[in-house]
């Protein structure tokens, strides 16, 4: 297994929103590209559900960050196996 630290540190609210939004939008774009090429309606529905899940995560995270005063700590680690 390989562990990668994508982000680990404190950010201003605006920078934290920018980082988080960028990460989530990359994953959303991957699902959108897969949907464009897919013929199987069940897979398309699964990709769409994943996009909606990610949009909800982003919305909730943005609400939290906007309510919090001061710096925001972000930490994201990826395990590759």
Protein backbone atom coordinates (compact mmCIF):
# COMPACT_ATOMS: atom_id res chain seq x y z
CA UNK A 1 0.00 0.00 0.00
CA UNK A 2 1.18 3.50 -0.82
CA UNK A 3 0.05 6.49 1.24
CA UNK A 4 -0.03 9.98 -0.26
CA UNK A 5 -0.76 13.22 1.58
CA UNK A 6 -2.66 15.47 -0.81
CA UNK A 7 -3.14 18.41 1.52
CA UNK A 8 -2.29 19.01 5.16
CA UNK A 9 -2.37 22.47 6.65
CA UNK A 10 -4.22 25.61 7.59
CA UNK A 11 -5.89 27.81 5.02
CA UNK A 12 -7.95 30.96 4.99
CA UNK A 13 -11.65 30.28 4.46
CA UNK A 14 -11.49 31.38 0.83
CA UNK A 15 -8.39 29.27 0.09
CA UNK A 16 -9.92 26.24 1.83
CA UNK A 17 -13.08 26.61 -0.29
CA UNK A 18 -10.95 26.89 -3.43
CA UNK A 19 -8.91 23.77 -2.62
CA UNK A 20 -11.93 21.72 -1.63
CA UNK A 21 -13.95 22.83 -4.65
CA UNK A 22 -11.10 22.00 -7.01
CA UNK A 23 -10.65 18.49 -5.61
CA UNK A 24 -14.35 17.66 -5.76
CA UNK A 25 -14.83 19.16 -9.23
CA UNK A 26 -12.05 16.95 -10.60
CA UNK A 27 -13.89 13.85 -9.42
CA UNK A 28 -17.22 15.17 -10.73
CA UNK A 29 -15.67 15.76 -14.16
CA UNK A 30 -14.40 12.17 -14.22
CA UNK A 31 -17.92 10.86 -13.63
CA UNK A 32 -19.33 13.25 -16.25
CA UNK A 33 -16.86 11.98 -18.87
CA UNK A 34 -17.74 8.39 -18.01
CA UNK A 35 -21.45 9.18 -18.38
CA UNK A 36 -20.86 10.62 -21.85
CA UNK A 37 -19.28 7.36 -23.03
CA UNK A 38 -21.54 4.91 -21.20
CA UNK A 39 -24.50 3.13 -22.77
CA UNK A 40 -25.62 1.11 -19.72
CA UNK A 41 -28.38 3.07 -17.97
CA UNK A 42 -27.62 1.44 -14.61
CA UNK A 43 -24.01 2.65 -14.76
CA UNK A 44 -25.14 6.10 -15.84
CA UNK A 45 -27.50 6.22 -12.86
CA UNK A 46 -24.67 5.16 -10.54
CA UNK A 47 -22.38 7.88 -11.94
CA UNK A 48 -25.14 10.45 -11.52
CA UNK A 49 -25.69 9.33 -7.92
CA UNK A 50 -21.97 9.75 -7.27
CA UNK A 51 -22.07 13.25 -8.73
CA UNK A 52 -25.02 14.17 -6.51
CA UNK A 53 -23.24 12.73 -3.46
CA UNK A 54 -20.15 14.82 -4.21
CA UNK A 55 -22.24 17.95 -4.76
CA UNK A 56 -23.90 17.41 -1.39
CA UNK A 57 -20.53 16.92 0.31
CA UNK A 58 -19.25 20.14 -1.26
CA UNK A 59 -22.38 22.08 -0.30
CA UNK A 60 -22.20 20.91 3.34
CA UNK A 61 -18.47 21.59 3.56
CA UNK A 62 -18.93 25.10 2.13
CA UNK A 63 -21.65 25.83 4.68
CA UNK A 64 -19.38 24.66 7.50
CA UNK A 65 -16.40 26.69 6.28
CA UNK A 66 -18.49 29.82 5.81
CA UNK A 67 -19.83 29.56 9.41
CA UNK A 68 -16.39 29.02 10.93
CA UNK A 69 -14.28 32.03 11.80
CA UNK A 70 -10.54 32.07 11.21
CA UNK A 71 -8.32 29.55 9.54
CA UNK A 72 -9.52 26.20 8.30
CA UNK A 73 -7.44 23.03 8.70
CA UNK A 74 -7.62 20.64 5.75
CA UNK A 75 -6.10 17.18 5.72
CA UNK A 76 -6.51 14.65 2.94
CA UNK A 77 -4.65 11.39 2.72
CA UNK A 78 -4.95 8.84 -0.07
CA UNK A 79 -4.25 5.13 0.34
CA UNK A 80 -3.33 3.36 -2.91
CA UNK A 81 -3.41 -0.43 -2.91
